[in-house]
N, C-alpha and C. Protein backbone atom coordinates (compact mmCIF):
# COMPACT_ATOMS: atom_id res chain seq x y z
N UNK A 1 -90.09 -5.63 -18.34
CA UNK A 1 -91.07 -6.48 -18.98
C UNK A 1 -92.42 -5.75 -18.97
N UNK A 2 -93.13 -5.87 -20.08
CA UNK A 2 -94.44 -5.25 -20.20
C UNK A 2 -95.51 -6.33 -20.04
N UNK A 3 -96.08 -6.45 -18.85
CA UNK A 3 -97.07 -7.49 -18.58
C UNK A 3 -98.34 -7.33 -19.39
N UNK A 4 -98.61 -6.13 -19.88
CA UNK A 4 -99.81 -5.91 -20.69
C UNK A 4 -99.61 -6.38 -22.12
N UNK A 5 -98.40 -6.70 -22.50
CA UNK A 5 -98.09 -7.12 -23.86
C UNK A 5 -97.42 -8.50 -23.84
N UNK A 6 -97.98 -9.42 -23.08
CA UNK A 6 -97.41 -10.75 -22.93
C UNK A 6 -98.12 -11.72 -23.88
N UNK A 7 -97.62 -11.80 -25.10
CA UNK A 7 -98.23 -12.65 -26.12
C UNK A 7 -98.20 -14.12 -25.71
N UNK A 8 -97.16 -14.55 -25.06
CA UNK A 8 -97.05 -15.96 -24.70
C UNK A 8 -98.13 -16.39 -23.71
N UNK A 9 -98.74 -15.46 -23.02
CA UNK A 9 -99.82 -15.80 -22.09
C UNK A 9 -101.03 -16.35 -22.84
N UNK A 10 -101.13 -16.07 -24.13
CA UNK A 10 -102.24 -16.55 -24.94
C UNK A 10 -102.03 -17.97 -25.44
N UNK A 11 -100.81 -18.50 -25.32
CA UNK A 11 -100.49 -19.83 -25.82
C UNK A 11 -101.01 -20.90 -24.87
N UNK A 12 -101.50 -21.99 -25.43
CA UNK A 12 -101.85 -23.14 -24.61
C UNK A 12 -100.56 -23.90 -24.29
N UNK A 13 -100.64 -24.79 -23.34
CA UNK A 13 -99.46 -25.60 -23.00
C UNK A 13 -99.00 -26.39 -24.22
N UNK A 14 -99.95 -26.91 -25.00
CA UNK A 14 -99.61 -27.68 -26.19
C UNK A 14 -98.86 -26.79 -27.20
N UNK A 15 -99.30 -25.55 -27.38
CA UNK A 15 -98.62 -24.64 -28.31
C UNK A 15 -97.22 -24.30 -27.81
N UNK A 16 -97.07 -24.11 -26.52
CA UNK A 16 -95.75 -23.83 -25.95
C UNK A 16 -94.80 -24.99 -26.20
N UNK A 17 -95.31 -26.21 -26.04
CA UNK A 17 -94.48 -27.40 -26.28
C UNK A 17 -94.08 -27.50 -27.75
N UNK A 18 -94.97 -27.11 -28.66
CA UNK A 18 -94.65 -27.12 -30.08
C UNK A 18 -93.56 -26.10 -30.40
N UNK A 19 -93.62 -24.94 -29.78
CA UNK A 19 -92.60 -23.91 -30.00
C UNK A 19 -91.24 -24.40 -29.50
N UNK A 20 -91.21 -25.00 -28.34
CA UNK A 20 -89.96 -25.52 -27.78
C UNK A 20 -89.40 -26.62 -28.68
N UNK A 21 -90.26 -27.53 -29.14
CA UNK A 21 -89.81 -28.61 -30.01
C UNK A 21 -89.25 -28.07 -31.33
N UNK A 22 -89.91 -27.06 -31.90
CA UNK A 22 -89.43 -26.46 -33.15
C UNK A 22 -88.07 -25.79 -32.93
N UNK A 23 -87.90 -25.14 -31.79
CA UNK A 23 -86.62 -24.49 -31.50
C UNK A 23 -85.51 -25.53 -31.33
N UNK A 24 -85.81 -26.62 -30.68
CA UNK A 24 -84.81 -27.69 -30.51
C UNK A 24 -84.46 -28.32 -31.86
N UNK A 25 -85.47 -28.54 -32.71
CA UNK A 25 -85.22 -29.09 -34.05
C UNK A 25 -84.36 -28.14 -34.87
N UNK A 26 -84.64 -26.84 -34.78
CA UNK A 26 -83.84 -25.86 -35.51
C UNK A 26 -82.40 -25.86 -35.01
N UNK A 27 -82.22 -25.95 -33.70
CA UNK A 27 -80.87 -26.01 -33.14
C UNK A 27 -80.11 -27.23 -33.63
N UNK A 28 -80.79 -28.36 -33.70
CA UNK A 28 -80.16 -29.58 -34.21
C UNK A 28 -79.78 -29.42 -35.68
N UNK A 29 -80.66 -28.79 -36.47
CA UNK A 29 -80.36 -28.58 -37.89
C UNK A 29 -79.16 -27.65 -38.06
N UNK A 30 -79.07 -26.63 -37.24
CA UNK A 30 -77.93 -25.70 -37.30
C UNK A 30 -76.64 -26.44 -36.98
N UNK A 31 -76.66 -27.23 -35.92
CA UNK A 31 -75.47 -28.01 -35.56
C UNK A 31 -75.05 -28.93 -36.70
N UNK A 32 -76.03 -29.58 -37.31
CA UNK A 32 -75.74 -30.49 -38.42
C UNK A 32 -75.21 -29.73 -39.62
N UNK A 33 -75.77 -28.57 -39.91
CA UNK A 33 -75.31 -27.76 -41.04
C UNK A 33 -73.86 -27.34 -40.84
N UNK A 34 -73.50 -27.02 -39.62
CA UNK A 34 -72.12 -26.61 -39.34
C UNK A 34 -71.13 -27.76 -39.51
N UNK A 35 -71.60 -29.00 -39.32
CA UNK A 35 -70.73 -30.17 -39.44
C UNK A 35 -70.80 -30.82 -40.82
N UNK A 36 -71.71 -30.37 -41.66
CA UNK A 36 -71.90 -31.00 -42.97
C UNK A 36 -70.64 -30.90 -43.81
N UNK A 37 -70.43 -31.91 -44.62
CA UNK A 37 -69.22 -31.98 -45.42
C UNK A 37 -69.40 -31.34 -46.79
N UNK A 38 -70.59 -31.49 -47.37
CA UNK A 38 -70.81 -30.94 -48.71
C UNK A 38 -71.73 -29.72 -48.65
N UNK A 39 -71.65 -28.90 -49.68
CA UNK A 39 -72.53 -27.73 -49.76
C UNK A 39 -73.99 -28.17 -49.85
N UNK A 40 -74.26 -29.21 -50.63
CA UNK A 40 -75.63 -29.69 -50.77
C UNK A 40 -76.23 -30.14 -49.45
N UNK A 41 -75.44 -30.84 -48.67
CA UNK A 41 -75.89 -31.29 -47.36
C UNK A 41 -76.15 -30.09 -46.45
N UNK A 42 -75.26 -29.13 -46.50
CA UNK A 42 -75.42 -27.92 -45.69
C UNK A 42 -76.71 -27.19 -46.05
N UNK A 43 -76.95 -27.02 -47.34
CA UNK A 43 -78.16 -26.33 -47.80
C UNK A 43 -79.40 -27.08 -47.35
N UNK A 44 -79.41 -28.39 -47.41
CA UNK A 44 -80.59 -29.16 -46.98
C UNK A 44 -80.90 -28.92 -45.50
N UNK A 45 -79.88 -28.82 -44.67
CA UNK A 45 -80.12 -28.53 -43.25
C UNK A 45 -80.68 -27.12 -43.06
N UNK A 46 -80.12 -26.16 -43.78
CA UNK A 46 -80.64 -24.79 -43.66
C UNK A 46 -82.06 -24.69 -44.19
N UNK A 47 -82.41 -25.51 -45.18
CA UNK A 47 -83.77 -25.52 -45.70
C UNK A 47 -84.76 -26.04 -44.66
N UNK A 48 -84.30 -26.87 -43.75
CA UNK A 48 -85.19 -27.32 -42.67
C UNK A 48 -85.60 -26.15 -41.79
N UNK A 49 -84.76 -25.13 -41.73
CA UNK A 49 -85.04 -23.97 -40.89
C UNK A 49 -85.78 -22.89 -41.70
N UNK A 50 -85.25 -22.57 -42.88
CA UNK A 50 -85.76 -21.44 -43.66
C UNK A 50 -86.75 -21.81 -44.75
N UNK A 51 -86.96 -23.10 -44.96
CA UNK A 51 -87.90 -23.55 -45.97
C UNK A 51 -87.20 -24.00 -47.25
N UNK A 52 -87.96 -24.68 -48.11
CA UNK A 52 -87.37 -25.31 -49.29
C UNK A 52 -86.84 -24.34 -50.34
N UNK A 53 -87.24 -23.09 -50.28
CA UNK A 53 -86.76 -22.13 -51.28
C UNK A 53 -85.41 -21.54 -50.91
N UNK A 54 -84.91 -21.83 -49.70
CA UNK A 54 -83.59 -21.31 -49.30
C UNK A 54 -82.53 -21.92 -50.20
N UNK A 55 -81.64 -21.08 -50.71
CA UNK A 55 -80.57 -21.54 -51.56
C UNK A 55 -79.38 -20.61 -51.39
N UNK A 56 -78.22 -21.11 -51.72
CA UNK A 56 -77.00 -20.31 -51.60
C UNK A 56 -76.42 -20.07 -52.99
């Protein structure tokens, strides 16, 4: 580990919590995309992660 290059040390506790929440939301979207029945539903879940321009 390079302690001189610790970007996360610059984050506030609130920012760290936002990063964790975003990661959990992305994980939930991935799980849902894997269980989706239709292609459209799957794409909508992936768009939650990659943005509205994501398409297959």
